[in-house]
N, C-alpha and C. Protein backbone atom coordinates (compact mmCIF):
# COMPACT_ATOMS: atom_id res chain seq x y z
N UNK A 1 0.56 -1.40 0.15
CA UNK A 1 -0.19 0.22 0.42
C UNK A 1 0.61 1.01 -0.20
N UNK A 2 0.49 1.91 -0.59
CA UNK A 2 1.15 3.89 -0.91
C UNK A 2 0.33 4.71 -0.42
N UNK A 3 1.02 5.46 0.56
CA UNK A 3 0.45 6.48 0.99
C UNK A 3 1.15 7.82 0.81
N UNK A 4 0.86 8.91 -0.37
CA UNK A 4 1.25 10.16 0.03
C UNK A 4 0.72 10.95 0.88
N UNK A 5 1.70 11.88 1.20
CA UNK A 5 1.96 13.03 2.16
C UNK A 5 2.94 13.54 1.31
N UNK A 6 2.47 15.12 2.31
CA UNK A 6 2.84 16.26 1.70
C UNK A 6 4.81 16.37 1.45
N UNK A 7 5.42 15.08 2.25
CA UNK A 7 6.85 15.29 2.30
C UNK A 7 7.49 14.24 1.43
N UNK A 8 6.64 13.35 0.76
CA UNK A 8 6.85 12.09 -0.11
C UNK A 8 6.13 11.22 0.12
N UNK A 9 6.07 10.08 0.45
CA UNK A 9 5.32 8.75 0.70
C UNK A 9 5.54 7.44 1.37
N UNK A 10 4.20 7.04 2.21
CA UNK A 10 4.44 5.85 2.55
C UNK A 10 4.62 4.79 1.95
N UNK A 11 5.32 3.59 2.09
CA UNK A 11 5.43 2.60 1.11
C UNK A 11 5.32 1.38 2.42
N UNK A 12 4.03 0.66 2.39
CA UNK A 12 3.60 -0.07 3.84
C UNK A 12 3.37 -1.62 2.97
N UNK A 13 3.98 -2.52 4.17
CA UNK A 13 3.95 -3.92 3.98
C UNK A 13 3.55 -4.41 5.02
N UNK A 14 3.01 -5.48 5.09
CA UNK A 14 2.78 -6.40 6.44
C UNK A 14 3.83 -6.18 7.35
N UNK A 15 5.25 -5.98 7.06
CA UNK A 15 6.35 -6.44 7.65
C UNK A 15 6.96 -5.09 8.27
N UNK A 16 6.98 -4.25 6.78
CA UNK A 16 7.80 -2.93 7.03
C UNK A 16 7.17 -1.51 6.68
N UNK A 17 7.78 -0.53 6.81
CA UNK A 17 7.20 0.53 6.27
C UNK A 17 8.66 1.44 6.01
N UNK A 18 8.43 2.21 4.62
CA UNK A 18 9.29 2.71 3.92
C UNK A 18 8.87 3.84 3.53
N UNK A 19 9.63 5.34 4.31
CA UNK A 19 9.45 6.45 3.54
C UNK A 19 10.45 7.11 2.80
N UNK A 20 9.82 7.55 1.74
CA UNK A 20 10.49 7.85 0.48
C UNK A 20 10.05 9.40 0.89
N UNK A 21 11.22 9.92 1.08
CA UNK A 21 11.35 11.57 1.41
C UNK A 21 10.95 12.10 -0.27
N UNK A 22 10.69 13.37 -0.48
CA UNK A 22 10.86 14.19 -1.50
C UNK A 22 12.46 14.61 -1.99
N UNK A 23 13.25 14.72 -0.94
CA UNK A 23 14.77 14.72 -1.28
C UNK A 23 15.09 13.28 -1.77
N UNK A 24 15.80 14.07 -2.86
CA UNK A 24 16.52 12.61 -3.89
C UNK A 24 17.58 11.96 -2.88
N UNK A 25 17.23 10.61 -3.23
CA UNK A 25 17.94 9.47 -2.48
C UNK A 25 17.38 9.46 -0.82
N UNK A 26 16.79 10.19 -0.38
CA UNK A 26 16.44 9.72 1.03
C UNK A 26 15.09 8.85 1.28
N UNK A 27 15.65 7.79 2.06
CA UNK A 27 14.39 6.60 2.47
C UNK A 27 14.96 6.66 4.16
N UNK A 28 13.91 6.56 4.58
CA UNK A 28 13.71 5.87 5.97
C UNK A 28 13.22 4.66 6.10
N UNK A 29 13.53 3.88 6.96
CA UNK A 29 12.75 2.09 6.78
C UNK A 29 12.70 1.75 8.06
N UNK A 30 11.75 1.27 8.63
CA UNK A 30 11.62 0.28 10.20
C UNK A 30 10.75 -0.74 9.84
N UNK A 31 10.59 -1.82 10.45
CA UNK A 31 9.98 -2.93 10.56
C UNK A 31 8.83 -2.43 11.71
N UNK A 32 7.36 -3.21 11.34
CA UNK A 32 6.25 -2.81 11.77
C UNK A 32 6.28 -2.67 13.29
N UNK A 33 7.07 -3.62 14.09
CA UNK A 33 6.89 -3.68 15.41
C UNK A 33 7.95 -2.88 16.04
N UNK A 34 8.54 -1.62 15.01
CA UNK A 34 9.33 -0.62 15.66
C UNK A 34 8.45 0.69 15.44
N UNK A 35 7.57 0.83 15.35
CA UNK A 35 6.63 1.96 14.49
C UNK A 35 5.65 2.23 15.55
N UNK A 36 5.37 3.56 16.09
CA UNK A 36 4.41 3.95 16.80
C UNK A 36 3.54 4.72 16.21
N UNK A 37 2.23 5.00 16.13
CA UNK A 37 1.49 6.20 15.42
C UNK A 37 0.84 7.29 16.95
N UNK A 38 1.62 8.14 17.00
CA UNK A 38 0.90 9.53 17.87
C UNK A 38 -0.57 9.97 17.22
N UNK A 39 -1.57 9.40 17.16
CA UNK A 39 -2.83 9.78 16.07
C UNK A 39 -3.35 11.35 17.20
N UNK A 40 -3.34 11.61 18.03
CA UNK A 40 -3.70 12.65 18.31
C UNK A 40 -2.73 13.57 17.85
N UNK A 41 -1.51 13.63 17.80
CA UNK A 41 -0.53 14.60 16.66
C UNK A 41 -0.01 14.64 15.68
N UNK A 42 -0.92 13.16 15.14
CA UNK A 42 -0.42 12.69 13.71
C UNK A 42 0.82 12.49 13.38
N UNK A 43 1.69 12.44 14.14
CA UNK A 43 3.34 11.45 14.45
C UNK A 43 2.95 9.98 14.11
N UNK A 44 3.80 9.69 13.18
CA UNK A 44 4.42 8.75 12.73
C UNK A 44 6.02 8.39 13.10
N UNK A 45 6.38 7.61 14.63
CA UNK A 45 7.51 7.34 14.78
C UNK A 45 8.20 5.93 14.88
N UNK A 46 9.40 5.64 14.70
CA UNK A 46 9.90 4.75 14.67
C UNK A 46 11.08 4.80 15.78
N UNK A 47 11.43 3.81 16.40
CA UNK A 47 12.63 3.59 17.66
C UNK A 47 12.84 2.19 17.54
N UNK A 48 14.12 1.96 17.13
CA UNK A 48 14.67 0.50 17.01
C UNK A 48 15.91 0.29 17.57
N UNK A 49 15.61 1.26 18.87
CA UNK A 49 17.11 1.40 19.64
C UNK A 49 17.83 2.25 19.60
N UNK A 50 18.80 1.98 18.60
CA UNK A 50 20.18 3.26 18.55
C UNK A 50 19.57 4.07 17.25
N UNK A 51 18.34 3.58 16.45
CA UNK A 51 17.87 4.35 15.19
C UNK A 51 16.60 5.10 15.73
N UNK A 52 15.79 6.03 15.34
CA UNK A 52 15.05 6.81 15.47
C UNK A 52 14.71 7.64 14.89
N UNK A 53 13.44 7.82 14.37
CA UNK A 53 13.24 9.17 13.25
C UNK A 53 11.71 9.18 13.80
N UNK A 54 11.20 10.50 12.93
CA UNK A 54 9.77 10.62 13.26
C UNK A 54 9.58 11.59 12.43
N UNK A 55 8.16 11.45 11.87
CA UNK A 55 7.45 12.29 11.12
C UNK A 55 6.30 13.00 11.16
N UNK A 56 5.70 13.92 10.20
CA UNK A 56 4.29 14.30 10.74
C UNK A 56 3.58 14.04 9.19
N UNK A 57 2.30 13.68 9.88
CA UNK A 57 1.16 13.26 8.51
C UNK A 57 0.63 14.63 8.41
N UNK A 58 0.07 14.69 7.29
CA UNK A 58 -0.85 15.96 6.87
C UNK A 58 -2.31 15.89 7.47
N UNK A 59 -2.85 14.96 7.65
CA UNK A 59 -4.16 14.74 7.89
C UNK A 59 -4.80 13.35 8.73
N UNK A 60 -5.63 13.06 9.36
CA UNK A 60 -6.06 12.30 10.09
C UNK A 60 -6.69 11.20 9.21
N UNK A 61 -6.58 11.24 7.97
CA UNK A 61 -7.32 10.33 7.02
C UNK A 61 -5.90 9.55 6.80
N UNK A 62 -4.72 9.87 6.64
CA UNK A 62 -3.65 9.22 6.51
C UNK A 62 -3.38 8.31 7.53
N UNK A 63 -3.32 8.68 8.90
CA UNK A 63 -3.59 7.95 9.88
C UNK A 63 -4.48 6.62 10.20
N UNK A 64 -5.48 7.18 9.70
CA UNK A 64 -6.51 6.10 9.81
C UNK A 64 -6.36 4.77 8.60
N UNK A 65 -5.71 5.56 7.14
CA UNK A 65 -5.34 4.12 6.27
C UNK A 65 -4.25 3.49 7.33
N UNK A 66 -3.12 4.03 7.82
CA UNK A 66 -2.03 3.42 8.31
C UNK A 66 -2.82 2.44 9.28
N UNK A 67 -3.53 2.61 10.30
CA UNK A 67 -4.18 1.84 11.20
C UNK A 67 -5.51 0.63 10.31
N UNK A 68 -5.52 1.55 9.55
CA UNK A 68 -6.76 0.47 8.26
C UNK A 68 -6.12 -1.30 7.91
N UNK A 69 -4.35 -0.70 7.52
CA UNK A 69 -4.10 -1.51 7.07
C UNK A 69 -2.55 -2.41 7.91
N UNK A 70 -2.43 -1.90 8.53
CA UNK A 70 -1.27 -2.19 10.14
C UNK A 70 -1.89 -2.89 11.27
N UNK A 71 -3.17 -2.45 11.31
CA UNK A 71 -3.93 -2.70 12.71
C UNK A 71 -3.44 -1.78 13.89
N UNK A 72 -4.07 -2.03 15.07
CA UNK A 72 -4.03 -0.84 15.87
C UNK A 72 -3.12 -0.94 17.24
N UNK A 73 -2.28 -2.12 16.99
CA UNK A 73 -1.05 -2.40 17.62
C UNK A 73 -0.09 -1.13 17.50
N UNK A 74 0.17 -0.63 16.11
CA UNK A 74 0.67 0.59 15.97
C UNK A 74 0.35 1.95 17.01
N UNK A 75 -0.84 2.22 17.50
CA UNK A 75 -1.39 2.97 18.02
C UNK A 75 -0.39 3.33 19.73
N UNK A 76 0.05 4.40 19.91
CA UNK A 76 0.39 4.88 21.59
C UNK A 76 -0.86 5.39 22.27
């Protein structure tokens, strides 16, 4: 599944998320078990120990698509 947002696109599989940013050559990747969604502030974050990143989604529909595809286990 692909979700477009203002900074690029999210590419989702049942096991991982890739974030392809609009900047050439920039990609963030994380396993689904390392992903959390802060739905109230629309922030998607990854914490895999030594590697962390976060990004702000544009609107609640994107958050709902993430939850619909990956399930509620990503909610914080």
